[in-house]
Amino acid sequence: MSVQEDKMTNGEMEELIETFTPMIKKKLQNTVYQEREDLEQELYIKLIEKVDWLIYQEGPGFWEFIVEYMTKL
């Protein structure tokens, strides 16, 4: 994802999902067979939700950061 873009493209999201797929599949082996598919879908949904949340989360501005830092001293 480039710095100037505000959101991930579909290709970037697919690449991220492919990166996490082996780990998710491995962890699903500890789950009852009948529930694996549902849990796998839920994990992908949560992954996408968290990525969206992190991308759109705004950090504090410079002066907000300075004021917060100074009040902690």
PDB file of N, CA and C in Angstrom:
ATOM      1  N   MET A   1       0.851  -1.172   0.000  1.00  0.00           N
ATOM      2  CA  MET A   1       0.000   0.000   0.000  1.00  0.00           C
ATOM      3  C   MET A   1       0.894   1.231   0.000  1.00  0.00           C
ATOM      4  N   SER A   2       0.628   2.146  -0.882  1.00  0.00           N
ATOM      5  CA  SER A   2       1.438   3.350  -0.959  1.00  0.00           C
ATOM      6  C   SER A   2       1.004   4.343   0.108  1.00  0.00           C
ATOM      7  N   VAL A   3       1.891   5.275   0.407  1.00  0.00           N
ATOM      8  CA  VAL A   3       1.639   6.262   1.445  1.00  0.00           C
ATOM      9  C   VAL A   3       0.476   7.169   1.077  1.00  0.00           C
ATOM     10  N   GLN A   4       0.283   7.437  -0.202  1.00  0.00           N
ATOM     11  CA  GLN A   4      -0.731   8.384  -0.634  1.00  0.00           C
ATOM     12  C   GLN A   4      -2.129   7.772  -0.695  1.00  0.00           C
ATOM     13  N   GLU A   5      -2.255   6.475  -0.615  1.00  0.00           N
ATOM     14  CA  GLU A   5      -3.566   5.832  -0.660  1.00  0.00           C
ATOM     15  C   GLU A   5      -4.157   5.774   0.737  1.00  0.00           C
ATOM     16  N   ASP A   6      -5.472   5.889   0.823  1.00  0.00           N
ATOM     17  CA  ASP A   6      -6.142   5.817   2.111  1.00  0.00           C
ATOM     18  C   ASP A   6      -6.655   4.423   2.428  1.00  0.00           C
ATOM     19  N   LYS A   7      -6.725   3.549   1.429  1.00  0.00           N
ATOM     20  CA  LYS A   7      -7.232   2.213   1.696  1.00  0.00           C
ATOM     21  C   LYS A   7      -6.483   1.194   0.854  1.00  0.00           C
ATOM     22  N   MET A   8      -6.611  -0.051   1.243  1.00  0.00           N
ATOM     23  CA  MET A   8      -5.944  -1.133   0.528  1.00  0.00           C
ATOM     24  C   MET A   8      -6.741  -1.489  -0.716  1.00  0.00           C
ATOM     25  N   THR A   9      -6.029  -1.899  -1.750  1.00  0.00           N
ATOM     26  CA  THR A   9      -6.705  -2.399  -2.937  1.00  0.00           C
ATOM     27  C   THR A   9      -7.120  -3.848  -2.679  1.00  0.00           C
ATOM     28  N   ASN A  10      -7.983  -4.369  -3.521  1.00  0.00           N
ATOM     29  CA  ASN A  10      -8.409  -5.766  -3.378  1.00  0.00           C
ATOM     30  C   ASN A  10      -7.224  -6.712  -3.484  1.00  0.00           C
ATOM     31  N   GLY A  11      -6.300  -6.402  -4.388  1.00  0.00           N
ATOM     32  CA  GLY A  11      -5.123  -7.247  -4.549  1.00  0.00           C
ATOM     33  C   GLY A  11      -4.262  -7.272  -3.301  1.00  0.00           C
ATOM     34  N   GLU A  12      -4.109  -6.126  -2.668  1.00  0.00           N
ATOM     35  CA  GLU A  12      -3.321  -6.064  -1.438  1.00  0.00           C
ATOM     36  C   GLU A  12      -4.004  -6.819  -0.306  1.00  0.00           C
ATOM     37  N   MET A  13      -5.317  -6.720  -0.244  1.00  0.00           N
ATOM     38  CA  MET A  13      -6.063  -7.446   0.791  1.00  0.00           C
ATOM     39  C   MET A  13      -5.952  -8.951   0.554  1.00  0.00           C
ATOM     40  N   GLU A  14      -6.049  -9.386  -0.701  1.00  0.00           N
ATOM     41  CA  GLU A  14      -5.903 -10.808  -1.025  1.00  0.00           C
ATOM     42  C   GLU A  14      -4.510 -11.297  -0.652  1.00  0.00           C
ATOM     43  N   GLU A  15      -3.501 -10.483  -0.913  1.00  0.00           N
ATOM     44  CA  GLU A  15      -2.124 -10.852  -0.575  1.00  0.00           C
ATOM     45  C   GLU A  15      -1.968 -11.007   0.938  1.00  0.00           C
ATOM     46  N   LEU A  16      -2.574 -10.111   1.688  1.00  0.00           N
ATOM     47  CA  LEU A  16      -2.519 -10.194   3.146  1.00  0.00           C
ATOM     48  C   LEU A  16      -3.206 -11.462   3.640  1.00  0.00           C
ATOM     49  N   ILE A  17      -4.364 -11.763   3.078  1.00  0.00           N
ATOM     50  CA  ILE A  17      -5.096 -12.973   3.466  1.00  0.00           C
ATOM     51  C   ILE A  17      -4.277 -14.215   3.131  1.00  0.00           C
ATOM     52  N   GLU A  18      -3.647 -14.235   1.960  1.00  0.00           N
ATOM     53  CA  GLU A  18      -2.810 -15.371   1.570  1.00  0.00           C
ATOM     54  C   GLU A  18      -1.633 -15.532   2.522  1.00  0.00           C
ATOM     55  N   THR A  19      -1.122 -14.433   3.041  1.00  0.00           N
ATOM     56  CA  THR A  19      -0.012 -14.486   3.986  1.00  0.00           C
ATOM     57  C   THR A  19      -0.434 -15.163   5.287  1.00  0.00           C
ATOM     58  N   PHE A  20      -1.639 -14.883   5.750  1.00  0.00           N
ATOM     59  CA  PHE A  20      -2.118 -15.435   7.013  1.00  0.00           C
ATOM     60  C   PHE A  20      -2.774 -16.805   6.867  1.00  0.00           C
ATOM     61  N   THR A  21      -3.107 -17.224   5.660  1.00  0.00           N
ATOM     62  CA  THR A  21      -3.821 -18.484   5.449  1.00  0.00           C
ATOM     63  C   THR A  21      -3.110 -19.698   6.037  1.00  0.00           C
ATOM     64  N   PRO A  22      -1.799 -19.900   5.816  1.00  0.00           N
ATOM     65  CA  PRO A  22      -1.161 -21.094   6.401  1.00  0.00           C
ATOM     66  C   PRO A  22      -1.258 -21.131   7.928  1.00  0.00           C
ATOM     67  N   MET A  23      -1.094 -19.998   8.571  1.00  0.00           N
ATOM     68  CA  MET A  23      -1.180 -19.952  10.026  1.00  0.00           C
ATOM     69  C   MET A  23      -2.602 -20.268  10.495  1.00  0.00           C
ATOM     70  N   ILE A  24      -3.586 -19.699   9.818  1.00  0.00           N
ATOM     71  CA  ILE A  24      -4.982 -19.946  10.184  1.00  0.00           C
ATOM     72  C   ILE A  24      -5.320 -21.422  10.005  1.00  0.00           C
ATOM     73  N   LYS A  25      -4.917 -22.011   8.878  1.00  0.00           N
ATOM     74  CA  LYS A  25      -5.193 -23.435   8.619  1.00  0.00           C
ATOM     75  C   LYS A  25      -4.552 -24.318   9.693  1.00  0.00           C
ATOM     76  N   LYS A  26      -3.323 -23.977  10.075  1.00  0.00           N
ATOM     77  CA  LYS A  26      -2.628 -24.772  11.083  1.00  0.00           C
ATOM     78  C   LYS A  26      -3.341 -24.691  12.427  1.00  0.00           C
ATOM     79  N   LYS A  27      -3.764 -23.509  12.805  1.00  0.00           N
ATOM     80  CA  LYS A  27      -4.455 -23.340  14.088  1.00  0.00           C
ATOM     81  C   LYS A  27      -5.833 -23.997  14.078  1.00  0.00           C
ATOM     82  N   LEU A  28      -6.457 -24.079  12.923  1.00  0.00           N
ATOM     83  CA  LEU A  28      -7.781 -24.701  12.822  1.00  0.00           C
ATOM     84  C   LEU A  28      -7.734 -26.207  13.061  1.00  0.00           C
ATOM     85  N   GLN A  29      -6.563 -26.810  12.977  1.00  0.00           N
ATOM     86  CA  GLN A  29      -6.451 -28.241  13.232  1.00  0.00           C
ATOM     87  C   GLN A  29      -6.791 -28.577  14.683  1.00  0.00           C
ATOM     88  N   ASN A  30      -6.728 -27.568  15.561  1.00  0.00           N
ATOM     89  CA  ASN A  30      -7.077 -27.771  16.970  1.00  0.00           C
ATOM     90  C   ASN A  30      -8.576 -27.636  17.214  1.00  0.00           C
ATOM     91  N   THR A  31      -9.339 -27.426  16.157  1.00  0.00           N
ATOM     92  CA  THR A  31     -10.781 -27.199  16.265  1.00  0.00           C
ATOM     93  C   THR A  31     -11.535 -28.431  15.764  1.00  0.00           C
ATOM     94  N   VAL A  32     -12.717 -28.642  16.297  1.00  0.00           N
ATOM     95  CA  VAL A  32     -13.576 -29.738  15.860  1.00  0.00           C
ATOM     96  C   VAL A  32     -13.846 -29.571  14.363  1.00  0.00           C
ATOM     97  N   TYR A  33     -13.805 -30.675  13.627  1.00  0.00           N
ATOM     98  CA  TYR A  33     -13.922 -30.641  12.169  1.00  0.00           C
ATOM     99  C   TYR A  33     -15.180 -29.918  11.693  1.00  0.00           C
ATOM    100  N   GLN A  34     -16.297 -30.144  12.370  1.00  0.00           N
ATOM    101  CA  GLN A  34     -17.570 -29.566  11.937  1.00  0.00           C
ATOM    102  C   GLN A  34     -17.582 -28.033  12.047  1.00  0.00           C
ATOM    103  N   GLU A  35     -16.726 -27.477  12.869  1.00  0.00           N
ATOM    104  CA  GLU A  35     -16.732 -26.035  13.095  1.00  0.00           C
ATOM    105  C   GLU A  35     -15.601 -25.303  12.379  1.00  0.00           C
ATOM    106  N   ARG A  36     -14.722 -26.009  11.729  1.00  0.00           N
ATOM    107  CA  ARG A  36     -13.547 -25.389  11.111  1.00  0.00           C
ATOM    108  C   ARG A  36     -13.891 -24.363  10.043  1.00  0.00           C
ATOM    109  N   GLU A  37     -14.794 -24.711   9.147  1.00  0.00           N
ATOM    110  CA  GLU A  37     -15.110 -23.815   8.036  1.00  0.00           C
ATOM    111  C   GLU A  37     -15.715 -22.504   8.544  1.00  0.00           C
ATOM    112  N   ASP A  38     -16.637 -22.620   9.504  1.00  0.00           N
ATOM    113  CA  ASP A  38     -17.255 -21.417  10.071  1.00  0.00           C
ATOM    114  C   ASP A  38     -16.217 -20.554  10.783  1.00  0.00           C
ATOM    115  N   LEU A  39     -15.372 -21.201  11.570  1.00  0.00           N
ATOM    116  CA  LEU A  39     -14.351 -20.465  12.303  1.00  0.00           C
ATOM    117  C   LEU A  39     -13.354 -19.816  11.349  1.00  0.00           C
ATOM    118  N   GLU A  40     -12.999 -20.517  10.278  1.00  0.00           N
ATOM    119  CA  GLU A  40     -12.078 -19.957   9.290  1.00  0.00           C
ATOM    120  C   GLU A  40     -12.658 -18.680   8.678  1.00  0.00           C
ATOM    121  N   GLN A  41     -13.927 -18.719   8.322  1.00  0.00           N
ATOM    122  CA  GLN A  41     -14.571 -17.530   7.757  1.00  0.00           C
ATOM    123  C   GLN A  41     -14.594 -16.385   8.765  1.00  0.00           C
ATOM    124  N   GLU A  42     -14.886 -16.701  10.014  1.00  0.00           N
ATOM    125  CA  GLU A  42     -14.910 -15.668  11.055  1.00  0.00           C
ATOM    126  C   GLU A  42     -13.526 -15.052  11.257  1.00  0.00           C
ATOM    127  N   LEU A  43     -12.488 -15.876  11.194  1.00  0.00           N
ATOM    128  CA  LEU A  43     -11.127 -15.356  11.354  1.00  0.00           C
ATOM    129  C   LEU A  43     -10.750 -14.425  10.207  1.00  0.00           C
ATOM    130  N   TYR A  44     -11.149 -14.764   8.991  1.00  0.00           N
ATOM    131  CA  TYR A  44     -10.873 -13.882   7.857  1.00  0.00           C
ATOM    132  C   TYR A  44     -11.637 -12.561   7.985  1.00  0.00           C
ATOM    133  N   ILE A  45     -12.867 -12.639   8.460  1.00  0.00           N
ATOM    134  CA  ILE A  45     -13.655 -11.417   8.664  1.00  0.00           C
ATOM    135  C   ILE A  45     -12.981 -10.530   9.704  1.00  0.00           C
ATOM    136  N   LYS A  46     -12.549 -11.116  10.812  1.00  0.00           N
ATOM    137  CA  LYS A  46     -11.873 -10.341  11.860  1.00  0.00           C
ATOM    138  C   LYS A  46     -10.566  -9.750  11.352  1.00  0.00           C
ATOM    139  N   LEU A  47      -9.832 -10.499  10.559  1.00  0.00           N
ATOM    140  CA  LEU A  47      -8.582 -10.002   9.987  1.00  0.00           C
ATOM    141  C   LEU A  47      -8.843  -8.766   9.137  1.00  0.00           C
ATOM    142  N   ILE A  48      -9.839  -8.828   8.290  1.00  0.00           N
ATOM    143  CA  ILE A  48     -10.177  -7.694   7.422  1.00  0.00           C
ATOM    144  C   ILE A  48     -10.647  -6.505   8.253  1.00  0.00           C
ATOM    145  N   GLU A  49     -11.467  -6.755   9.277  1.00  0.00           N
ATOM    146  CA  GLU A  49     -11.942  -5.665  10.137  1.00  0.00           C
ATOM    147  C   GLU A  49     -10.782  -4.969  10.836  1.00  0.00           C
ATOM    148  N   LYS A  50      -9.841  -5.730  11.361  1.00  0.00           N
ATOM    149  CA  LYS A  50      -8.710  -5.138  12.079  1.00  0.00           C
ATOM    150  C   LYS A  50      -7.792  -4.372  11.138  1.00  0.00           C
ATOM    151  N   VAL A  51      -7.578  -4.887   9.947  1.00  0.00           N
ATOM    152  CA  VAL A  51      -6.751  -4.172   8.973  1.00  0.00           C
ATOM    153  C   VAL A  51      -7.407  -2.849   8.612  1.00  0.00           C
ATOM    154  N   ASP A  52      -8.707  -2.862   8.352  1.00  0.00           N
ATOM    155  CA  ASP A  52      -9.424  -1.617   8.056  1.00  0.00           C
ATOM    156  C   ASP A  52      -9.313  -0.638   9.212  1.00  0.00           C
ATOM    157  N   TRP A  53      -9.466  -1.130  10.429  1.00  0.00           N
ATOM    158  CA  TRP A  53      -9.392  -0.266  11.601  1.00  0.00           C
ATOM    159  C   TRP A  53      -8.003   0.369  11.720  1.00  0.00           C
ATOM    160  N   LEU A  54      -6.955  -0.420  11.510  1.00  0.00           N
ATOM    161  CA  LEU A  54      -5.599   0.114  11.619  1.00  0.00           C
ATOM    162  C   LEU A  54      -5.290   1.128  10.524  1.00  0.00           C
ATOM    163  N   ILE A  55      -5.798   0.891   9.327  1.00  0.00           N
ATOM    164  CA  ILE A  55      -5.530   1.807   8.217  1.00  0.00           C
ATOM    165  C   ILE A  55      -6.208   3.145   8.442  1.00  0.00           C
ATOM    166  N   TYR A  56      -7.430   3.122   8.927  1.00  0.00           N
ATOM    167  CA  TYR A  56      -8.193   4.360   9.062  1.00  0.00           C
ATOM    168  C   TYR A  56      -8.015   5.045  10.411  1.00  0.00           C
ATOM    169  N   GLN A  57      -7.253   4.440  11.300  1.00  0.00           N
ATOM    170  CA  GLN A  57      -7.001   5.046  12.597  1.00  0.00           C
ATOM    171  C   GLN A  57      -6.089   6.255  12.406  1.00  0.00           C
ATOM    172  N   GLU A  58      -6.492   7.370  12.964  1.00  0.00           N
ATOM    173  CA  GLU A  58      -5.688   8.579  12.829  1.00  0.00           C
ATOM    174  C   GLU A  58      -4.844   8.767  14.078  1.00  0.00           C
ATOM    175  N   GLY A  59      -3.595   9.100  13.865  1.00  0.00           N
ATOM    176  CA  GLY A  59      -2.716   9.413  14.974  1.00  0.00           C
ATOM    177  C   GLY A  59      -2.907  10.859  15.392  1.00  0.00           C
ATOM    178  N   PRO A  60      -2.388  11.216  16.551  1.00  0.00           N
ATOM    179  CA  PRO A  60      -2.536  12.605  16.987  1.00  0.00           C
ATOM    180  C   PRO A  60      -1.703  13.537  16.115  1.00  0.00           C
ATOM    181  N   GLY A  61      -2.154  14.762  16.004  1.00  0.00           N
ATOM    182  CA  GLY A  61      -1.381  15.773  15.300  1.00  0.00           C
ATOM    183  C   GLY A  61      -0.152  16.143  16.116  1.00  0.00           C
ATOM    184  N   PHE A  62       0.729  16.915  15.532  1.00  0.00           N
ATOM    185  CA  PHE A  62       1.978  17.280  16.206  1.00  0.00           C
ATOM    186  C   PHE A  62       1.706  17.970  17.535  1.00  0.00           C
ATOM    187  N   TRP A  63       0.856  18.990  17.527  1.00  0.00           N
ATOM    188  CA  TRP A  63       0.617  19.757  18.749  1.00  0.00           C
ATOM    189  C   TRP A  63      -0.157  18.938  19.775  1.00  0.00           C
ATOM    190  N   GLU A  64      -1.052  18.102  19.331  1.00  0.00           N
ATOM    191  CA  GLU A  64      -1.762  17.222  20.264  1.00  0.00           C
ATOM    192  C   GLU A  64      -0.779  16.293  20.965  1.00  0.00           C
ATOM    193  N   PHE A  65       0.176  15.783  20.206  1.00  0.00           N
ATOM    194  CA  PHE A  65       1.192  14.905  20.766  1.00  0.00           C
ATOM    195  C   PHE A  65       2.039  15.651  21.787  1.00  0.00           C
ATOM    196  N   ILE A  66       2.477  16.867  21.453  1.00  0.00           N
ATOM    197  CA  ILE A  66       3.324  17.651  22.353  1.00  0.00           C
ATOM    198  C   ILE A  66       2.583  17.957  23.655  1.00  0.00           C
ATOM    199  N   VAL A  67       1.331  18.383  23.552  1.00  0.00           N
ATOM    200  CA  VAL A  67       0.550  18.702  24.754  1.00  0.00           C
ATOM    201  C   VAL A  67       0.385  17.460  25.623  1.00  0.00           C
ATOM    202  N   GLU A  68       0.067  16.338  25.017  1.00  0.00           N
ATOM    203  CA  GLU A  68      -0.103  15.098  25.775  1.00  0.00           C
ATOM    204  C   GLU A  68       1.208  14.675  26.423  1.00  0.00           C
ATOM    205  N   TYR A  69       2.298  14.809  25.692  1.00  0.00           N
ATOM    206  CA  TYR A  69       3.615  14.444  26.213  1.00  0.00           C
ATOM    207  C   TYR A  69       3.992  15.334  27.394  1.00  0.00           C
ATOM    208  N   MET A  70       3.748  16.637  27.263  1.00  0.00           N
ATOM    209  CA  MET A  70       4.115  17.587  28.316  1.00  0.00           C
ATOM    210  C   MET A  70       3.267  17.375  29.576  1.00  0.00           C
ATOM    211  N   THR A  71       2.016  16.974  29.430  1.00  0.00           N
ATOM    212  CA  THR A  71       1.179  16.759  30.613  1.00  0.00           C
ATOM    213  C   THR A  71       1.572  15.486  31.357  1.00  0.00           C
ATOM    214  N   LYS A  72       2.246  14.579  30.687  1.00  0.00           N
ATOM    215  CA  LYS A  72       2.684  13.342  31.339  1.00  0.00           C
ATOM    216  C   LYS A  72       3.969  13.535  32.128  1.00  0.00           C
ATOM    217  N   LEU A  73       4.698  14.599  31.856  1.00  0.00           N
ATOM    218  CA  LEU A  73       5.967  14.832  32.556  1.00  0.00           C
ATOM    219  C   LEU A  73       5.757  15.222  33.956  1.00  0.00           C
TER     220      LEU A  73
END
